[in-house]
Amino acid sequence: MFARRAQVSVRSPTDGWFDMDDNRLVRAATPDDAPLLVRFVRWAGEGIPDLLWADMAAPGQDIDAVGRERARREEGSFSYRNAQVLEVDGVVAAGIVGYRLPSEPVPIGPDFPAAFAPLQELENLAPGHWYVNILATLPEARGQGLGTALLRHAEERAAALGCPGIAIIVFASNPGAARLYERLGYREAARRRVDIPGWAHSGTDAVLLLKPL
């Protein structure tokens, strides 16, 4: 399924296309990628997207349908416009969702959902950074370094846009993810306890990891 092929054109990491090596190509996501983006966010989100989308679902609507609608939006953090996918021999094998955080902290007022205030507090500690919201690889393509390749691509893109660094939030309940990022030069900057009713990992810490560029 993932046989090698000859290298084709190389473009800038800021214009949506970039060859990683002989058979890997990163491209900007399109609305047609919504079903795969939903799979990626559900794998990487550790159950939080399922809770959010279940609350948003219309009667009889499943959470995947909610996710696809959101992925096809022109705006919002979880939008195809903020996503890139990595193809191996023309088949999407991994994806990343990222965007630049505001230069000023987002206000956390009395109307802000209390369960998600700790996550916003962490984002506010990384103004202007490129924020990696989602990074995931299809099960059949894991172990090939695709996630690392996408992260390197995001770092190059962020540097080209003048971001001071990369920000990632991981949960203490997933120490393997933190170790991976630490091997790639990310360091803990802060952590907050997260209590989300109905979430399997409620009470765990969210950890902000930063890497300067």
C-alpha atoms as a PDB file:
ATOM      1  CA  MET A   1       0.000   0.000   0.000  1.00  0.00           C
ATOM      2  CA  PHE A   2       2.849   2.385   0.799  1.00  0.00           C
ATOM      3  CA  ALA A   3       5.414   1.431  -1.859  1.00  0.00           C
ATOM      4  CA  ARG A   4       8.015   4.017  -2.804  1.00  0.00           C
ATOM      5  CA  ARG A   5       7.781   6.222  -5.897  1.00  0.00           C
ATOM      6  CA  ALA A   6       9.979   8.733  -7.655  1.00  0.00           C
ATOM      7  CA  GLN A   7      10.137  12.245  -6.197  1.00  0.00           C
ATOM      8  CA  VAL A   8       8.067  14.909  -7.931  1.00  0.00           C
ATOM      9  CA  SER A   9       7.964  18.694  -7.583  1.00  0.00           C
ATOM     10  CA  VAL A  10       9.122  20.502  -4.457  1.00  0.00           C
ATOM     11  CA  ARG A  11       7.403  23.661  -3.268  1.00  0.00           C
ATOM     12  CA  SER A  12       7.729  25.986  -0.307  1.00  0.00           C
ATOM     13  CA  PRO A  13       6.371  24.820   3.088  1.00  0.00           C
ATOM     14  CA  THR A  14       4.290  28.019   3.214  1.00  0.00           C
ATOM     15  CA  ASP A  15       2.278  27.392   0.032  1.00  0.00           C
ATOM     16  CA  GLY A  16       0.637  24.149   1.079  1.00  0.00           C
ATOM     17  CA  TRP A  17       2.853  21.582  -0.658  1.00  0.00           C
ATOM     18  CA  PHE A  18       6.202  20.144   0.390  1.00  0.00           C
ATOM     19  CA  ASP A  19       7.932  16.874  -0.476  1.00  0.00           C
ATOM     20  CA  MET A  20       9.367  15.192   2.608  1.00  0.00           C
ATOM     21  CA  ASP A  21      11.326  12.545   0.625  1.00  0.00           C
ATOM     22  CA  ASP A  22      10.857  10.140  -2.286  1.00  0.00           C
ATOM     23  CA  ASN A  23       7.323   9.023  -1.496  1.00  0.00           C
ATOM     24  CA  ARG A  24       5.938  11.467   1.081  1.00  0.00           C
ATOM     25  CA  LEU A  25       4.103  14.635   0.200  1.00  0.00           C
ATOM     26  CA  VAL A  26       2.509  17.150   2.550  1.00  0.00           C
ATOM     27  CA  ARG A  27      -0.419  19.109   1.129  1.00  0.00           C
ATOM     28  CA  ALA A  28      -3.080  21.463   2.377  1.00  0.00           C
ATOM     29  CA  ALA A  29      -6.262  19.679   3.372  1.00  0.00           C
ATOM     30  CA  THR A  30      -9.504  20.187   1.442  1.00  0.00           C
ATOM     31  CA  PRO A  31     -13.162  19.785   2.456  1.00  0.00           C
ATOM     32  CA  ASP A  32     -13.024  16.299   0.906  1.00  0.00           C
ATOM     33  CA  ASP A  33     -10.547  15.312   3.629  1.00  0.00           C
ATOM     34  CA  ALA A  34     -13.148  15.938   6.366  1.00  0.00           C
ATOM     35  CA  PRO A  35     -13.838  12.232   7.121  1.00  0.00           C
ATOM     36  CA  LEU A  36     -10.138  11.564   7.702  1.00  0.00           C
ATOM     37  CA  LEU A  37      -9.699  14.756   9.713  1.00  0.00           C
ATOM     38  CA  VAL A  38     -12.498  13.544  11.986  1.00  0.00           C
ATOM     39  CA  ARG A  39     -10.678  10.241  12.498  1.00  0.00           C
ATOM     40  CA  PHE A  40      -7.467  12.100  13.304  1.00  0.00           C
ATOM     41  CA  VAL A  41      -9.048  14.441  15.839  1.00  0.00           C
ATOM     42  CA  ARG A  42     -10.925  11.626  17.566  1.00  0.00           C
ATOM     43  CA  TRP A  43      -7.734   9.592  17.926  1.00  0.00           C
ATOM     44  CA  ALA A  44      -5.651  12.520  19.150  1.00  0.00           C
ATOM     45  CA  GLY A  45      -8.339  14.182  21.279  1.00  0.00           C
ATOM     46  CA  GLU A  46      -8.457  11.446  23.941  1.00  0.00           C
ATOM     47  CA  GLY A  47     -12.252  11.509  24.090  1.00  0.00           C
ATOM     48  CA  ILE A  48     -12.803  15.269  24.391  1.00  0.00           C
ATOM     49  CA  PRO A  49     -14.101  15.767  20.806  1.00  0.00           C
ATOM     50  CA  ASP A  50     -16.597  12.942  21.367  1.00  0.00           C
ATOM     51  CA  LEU A  51     -18.031  14.735  24.406  1.00  0.00           C
ATOM     52  CA  LEU A  52     -18.224  18.100  22.666  1.00  0.00           C
ATOM     53  CA  TRP A  53     -19.753  16.783  19.461  1.00  0.00           C
ATOM     54  CA  ALA A  54     -22.281  14.646  21.328  1.00  0.00           C
ATOM     55  CA  ASP A  55     -23.594  17.844  22.935  1.00  0.00           C
ATOM     56  CA  MET A  56     -23.761  19.577  19.538  1.00  0.00           C
ATOM     57  CA  ALA A  57     -25.483  16.726  17.693  1.00  0.00           C
ATOM     58  CA  ALA A  58     -29.022  17.143  16.441  1.00  0.00           C
ATOM     59  CA  PRO A  59     -31.516  14.371  17.252  1.00  0.00           C
ATOM     60  CA  GLY A  60     -30.465  11.275  15.346  1.00  0.00           C
ATOM     61  CA  GLN A  61     -27.137  12.784  14.248  1.00  0.00           C
ATOM     62  CA  ASP A  62     -23.976  10.848  15.100  1.00  0.00           C
ATOM     63  CA  ILE A  63     -20.800  12.522  16.302  1.00  0.00           C
ATOM     64  CA  ASP A  64     -18.879  11.748  13.113  1.00  0.00           C
ATOM     65  CA  ALA A  65     -21.433  13.769  11.136  1.00  0.00           C
ATOM     66  CA  VAL A  66     -20.980  16.687  13.545  1.00  0.00           C
ATOM     67  CA  GLY A  67     -17.225  16.424  13.158  1.00  0.00           C
ATOM     68  CA  ARG A  68     -17.421  16.401   9.358  1.00  0.00           C
ATOM     69  CA  GLU A  69     -19.568  19.526   9.393  1.00  0.00           C
ATOM     70  CA  ARG A  70     -17.040  21.290  11.583  1.00  0.00           C
ATOM     71  CA  ALA A  71     -14.058  20.128   9.556  1.00  0.00           C
ATOM     72  CA  ARG A  72     -15.638  21.546   6.371  1.00  0.00           C
ATOM     73  CA  ARG A  73     -16.127  25.001   7.912  1.00  0.00           C
ATOM     74  CA  GLU A  74     -14.256  27.957   6.461  1.00  0.00           C
ATOM     75  CA  GLU A  75     -13.517  29.283   9.958  1.00  0.00           C
ATOM     76  CA  GLY A  76     -12.818  27.911  13.420  1.00  0.00           C
ATOM     77  CA  SER A  77      -9.841  26.117  14.917  1.00  0.00           C
ATOM     78  CA  PHE A  78     -10.953  22.695  13.677  1.00  0.00           C
ATOM     79  CA  SER A  79     -11.309  23.565  10.001  1.00  0.00           C
ATOM     80  CA  TYR A  80      -9.751  22.018   6.932  1.00  0.00           C
ATOM     81  CA  ARG A  81      -8.140  25.420   6.338  1.00  0.00           C
ATOM     82  CA  ASN A  82      -5.905  24.824   9.373  1.00  0.00           C
ATOM     83  CA  ALA A  83      -4.991  21.270   8.376  1.00  0.00           C
ATOM     84  CA  GLN A  84      -2.316  19.592   6.317  1.00  0.00           C
ATOM     85  CA  VAL A  85      -2.194  15.926   5.411  1.00  0.00           C
ATOM     86  CA  LEU A  86       0.746  13.714   4.561  1.00  0.00           C
ATOM     87  CA  GLU A  87       0.329  11.400   1.609  1.00  0.00           C
ATOM     88  CA  VAL A  88       2.400   8.290   1.041  1.00  0.00           C
ATOM     89  CA  ASP A  89       2.202   7.235  -2.597  1.00  0.00           C
ATOM     90  CA  GLY A  90      -0.908   9.378  -3.012  1.00  0.00           C
ATOM     91  CA  VAL A  91      -2.725   7.907   0.007  1.00  0.00           C
ATOM     92  CA  VAL A  92      -3.372  10.080   3.082  1.00  0.00           C
ATOM     93  CA  ALA A  93      -1.581   8.476   6.021  1.00  0.00           C
ATOM     94  CA  ALA A  94      -1.281  11.257   8.634  1.00  0.00           C
ATOM     95  CA  GLY A  95      -2.588  14.714   9.411  1.00  0.00           C
ATOM     96  CA  ILE A  96      -1.911  17.801  11.472  1.00  0.00           C
ATOM     97  CA  VAL A  97      -4.087  20.741  12.512  1.00  0.00           C
ATOM     98  CA  GLY A  98      -2.296  23.899  13.570  1.00  0.00           C
ATOM     99  CA  TYR A  99      -2.566  27.670  13.601  1.00  0.00           C
ATOM    100  CA  ARG A 100      -0.973  30.764  15.066  1.00  0.00           C
ATOM    101  CA  LEU A 101      -2.193  31.709  18.527  1.00  0.00           C
ATOM    102  CA  PRO A 102      -3.314  35.311  19.159  1.00  0.00           C
ATOM    103  CA  SER A 103      -0.648  37.782  20.203  1.00  0.00           C
ATOM    104  CA  GLU A 104      -2.875  38.871  23.103  1.00  0.00           C
ATOM    105  CA  PRO A 105      -4.402  36.506  25.710  1.00  0.00           C
ATOM    106  CA  VAL A 106      -7.967  35.394  25.106  1.00  0.00           C
ATOM    107  CA  PRO A 107     -10.145  36.757  27.950  1.00  0.00           C
ATOM    108  CA  ILE A 108     -11.453  34.113  30.330  1.00  0.00           C
ATOM    109  CA  GLY A 109     -14.566  35.706  31.709  1.00  0.00           C
ATOM    110  CA  PRO A 110     -17.521  34.375  33.702  1.00  0.00           C
ATOM    111  CA  ASP A 111     -19.186  33.105  30.506  1.00  0.00           C
ATOM    112  CA  PHE A 112     -16.163  31.046  29.437  1.00  0.00           C
ATOM    113  CA  PRO A 113     -16.826  27.283  29.894  1.00  0.00           C
ATOM    114  CA  ALA A 114     -15.185  26.516  33.238  1.00  0.00           C
ATOM    115  CA  ALA A 115     -14.122  23.003  32.224  1.00  0.00           C
ATOM    116  CA  PHE A 116     -12.026  24.358  29.373  1.00  0.00           C
ATOM    117  CA  ALA A 117     -10.616  27.439  31.100  1.00  0.00           C
ATOM    118  CA  PRO A 118      -7.400  25.598  32.127  1.00  0.00           C
ATOM    119  CA  LEU A 119      -6.678  24.746  28.485  1.00  0.00           C
ATOM    120  CA  GLN A 120      -7.228  28.351  27.443  1.00  0.00           C
ATOM    121  CA  GLU A 121      -4.953  29.505  30.265  1.00  0.00           C
ATOM    122  CA  LEU A 122      -2.168  27.361  28.820  1.00  0.00           C
ATOM    123  CA  GLU A 123      -2.713  28.667  25.284  1.00  0.00           C
ATOM    124  CA  ASN A 124      -2.563  32.218  26.650  1.00  0.00           C
ATOM    125  CA  LEU A 125       0.963  31.495  27.901  1.00  0.00           C
ATOM    126  CA  ALA A 126       2.208  31.067  24.315  1.00  0.00           C
ATOM    127  CA  PRO A 127       1.187  34.269  22.490  1.00  0.00           C
ATOM    128  CA  GLY A 128       2.022  34.292  18.798  1.00  0.00           C
ATOM    129  CA  HIS A 129       3.253  30.703  18.836  1.00  0.00           C
ATOM    130  CA  TRP A 130       2.233  28.135  16.250  1.00  0.00           C
ATOM    131  CA  TYR A 131      -0.145  25.803  18.073  1.00  0.00           C
ATOM    132  CA  VAL A 132      -0.300  22.140  17.087  1.00  0.00           C
ATOM    133  CA  ASN A 133      -3.859  21.223  17.954  1.00  0.00           C
ATOM    134  CA  ILE A 134      -3.983  17.759  16.370  1.00  0.00           C
ATOM    135  CA  LEU A 135      -1.279  15.360  15.171  1.00  0.00           C
ATOM    136  CA  ALA A 136      -2.241  11.804  14.226  1.00  0.00           C
ATOM    137  CA  THR A 137      -1.273   8.903  11.958  1.00  0.00           C
ATOM    138  CA  LEU A 138      -3.458   6.116  10.595  1.00  0.00           C
ATOM    139  CA  PRO A 139      -2.851   2.835  12.479  1.00  0.00           C
ATOM    140  CA  GLU A 140      -1.614   1.020   9.372  1.00  0.00           C
ATOM    141  CA  ALA A 141       0.985   3.729   8.716  1.00  0.00           C
ATOM    142  CA  ARG A 142       2.419   4.106  12.205  1.00  0.00           C
ATOM    143  CA  GLY A 143       6.046   3.402  12.988  1.00  0.00           C
ATOM    144  CA  GLN A 144       7.312   5.145   9.839  1.00  0.00           C
ATOM    145  CA  GLY A 145       8.072   8.540  11.375  1.00  0.00           C
ATOM    146  CA  LEU A 146       5.176  10.262   9.626  1.00  0.00           C
ATOM    147  CA  GLY A 147       4.087  12.201  12.707  1.00  0.00           C
ATOM    148  CA  THR A 148       7.625  13.423  13.260  1.00  0.00           C
ATOM    149  CA  ALA A 149       7.866  14.430   9.590  1.00  0.00           C
ATOM    150  CA  LEU A 150       4.638  16.434   9.859  1.00  0.00           C
ATOM    151  CA  LEU A 151       5.837  18.120  13.014  1.00  0.00           C
ATOM    152  CA  ARG A 152       9.110  19.092  11.315  1.00  0.00           C
ATOM    153  CA  HIS A 153       7.084  20.505   8.447  1.00  0.00           C
ATOM    154  CA  ALA A 154       4.980  22.543  10.904  1.00  0.00           C
ATOM    155  CA  GLU A 155       8.147  23.892  12.511  1.00  0.00           C
ATOM    156  CA  GLU A 156       9.512  25.020   9.137  1.00  0.00           C
ATOM    157  CA  ARG A 157       6.201  26.617   8.260  1.00  0.00           C
ATOM    158  CA  ALA A 158       5.988  28.432  11.601  1.00  0.00           C
ATOM    159  CA  ALA A 159       9.557  29.696  11.283  1.00  0.00           C
ATOM    160  CA  ALA A 160       8.827  31.003   7.780  1.00  0.00           C
ATOM    161  CA  LEU A 161       5.836  32.905   9.186  1.00  0.00           C
ATOM    162  CA  GLY A 162       7.935  34.458  11.966  1.00  0.00           C
ATOM    163  CA  CYS A 163       6.420  32.592  14.924  1.00  0.00           C
ATOM    164  CA  PRO A 164       8.637  32.618  18.028  1.00  0.00           C
ATOM    165  CA  GLY A 165       8.035  28.942  18.689  1.00  0.00           C
ATOM    166  CA  ILE A 166       5.750  25.909  18.609  1.00  0.00           C
ATOM    167  CA  ALA A 167       3.212  25.134  21.343  1.00  0.00           C
ATOM    168  CA  ILE A 168       1.638  21.756  22.046  1.00  0.00           C
ATOM    169  CA  ILE A 169      -0.650  20.658  24.871  1.00  0.00           C
ATOM    170  CA  VAL A 170      -0.511  17.029  25.983  1.00  0.00           C
ATOM    171  CA  PHE A 171      -2.203  15.277  28.879  1.00  0.00           C
ATOM    172  CA  ALA A 172      -0.296  13.696  31.743  1.00  0.00           C
ATOM    173  CA  SER A 173      -2.454  10.607  31.162  1.00  0.00           C
ATOM    174  CA  ASN A 174      -0.509  10.102  27.894  1.00  0.00           C
ATOM    175  CA  PRO A 175       3.162  10.104  28.970  1.00  0.00           C
ATOM    176  CA  GLY A 176       4.268   8.476  25.719  1.00  0.00           C
ATOM    177  CA  ALA A 177       3.265  11.571  23.749  1.00  0.00           C
ATOM    178  CA  ALA A 178       5.172  13.847  26.109  1.00  0.00           C
ATOM    179  CA  ARG A 179       8.306  11.700  25.771  1.00  0.00           C
ATOM    180  CA  LEU A 180       8.083  11.847  21.975  1.00  0.00           C
ATOM    181  CA  TYR A 181       7.879  15.637  21.955  1.00  0.00           C
ATOM    182  CA  GLU A 182      10.647  15.957  24.531  1.00  0.00           C
ATOM    183  CA  ARG A 183      12.950  13.913  22.284  1.00  0.00           C
ATOM    184  CA  LEU A 184      12.227  16.443  19.551  1.00  0.00           C
ATOM    185  CA  GLY A 185      13.249  19.402  21.706  1.00  0.00           C
ATOM    186  CA  TYR A 186       9.964  20.401  23.376  1.00  0.00           C
ATOM    187  CA  ARG A 187      10.049  21.337  27.050  1.00  0.00           C
ATOM    188  CA  GLU A 188       7.340  21.712  29.686  1.00  0.00           C
ATOM    189  CA  ALA A 189       6.399  25.325  30.319  1.00  0.00           C
ATOM    190  CA  ALA A 190       3.307  24.985  32.525  1.00  0.00           C
ATOM    191  CA  ARG A 191       0.519  22.633  33.522  1.00  0.00           C
ATOM    192  CA  ARG A 192      -3.067  22.897  34.690  1.00  0.00           C
ATOM    193  CA  ARG A 193      -5.508  20.375  36.169  1.00  0.00           C
ATOM    194  CA  VAL A 194      -8.432  19.657  33.859  1.00  0.00           C
ATOM    195  CA  ASP A 195     -11.802  18.515  35.192  1.00  0.00           C
ATOM    196  CA  ILE A 196     -14.342  17.784  32.435  1.00  0.00           C
ATOM    197  CA  PRO A 197     -17.568  16.062  33.529  1.00  0.00           C
ATOM    198  CA  GLY A 198     -17.950  12.707  31.823  1.00  0.00           C
ATOM    199  CA  TRP A 199     -14.376  12.620  30.515  1.00  0.00           C
ATOM    200  CA  ALA A 200     -12.461   9.400  31.237  1.00  0.00           C
ATOM    201  CA  HIS A 201      -9.309  11.322  32.184  1.00  0.00           C
ATOM    202  CA  SER A 202     -10.966  14.045  34.260  1.00  0.00           C
ATOM    203  CA  GLY A 203      -8.627  15.287  36.965  1.00  0.00           C
ATOM    204  CA  THR A 204      -5.445  14.810  34.963  1.00  0.00           C
ATOM    205  CA  ASP A 205      -3.029  17.619  34.153  1.00  0.00           C
ATOM    206  CA  ALA A 206      -2.797  19.313  30.775  1.00  0.00           C
ATOM    207  CA  VAL A 207       0.849  20.102  30.027  1.00  0.00           C
ATOM    208  CA  LEU A 208       2.020  22.951  27.818  1.00  0.00           C
ATOM    209  CA  LEU A 209       5.142  22.075  25.820  1.00  0.00           C
ATOM    210  CA  LEU A 210       7.099  24.769  23.975  1.00  0.00           C
ATOM    211  CA  LYS A 211       9.931  24.714  21.468  1.00  0.00           C
ATOM    212  CA  PRO A 212      11.595  27.980  20.448  1.00  0.00           C
ATOM    213  CA  LEU A 213      12.331  28.587  16.772  1.00  0.00           C
END
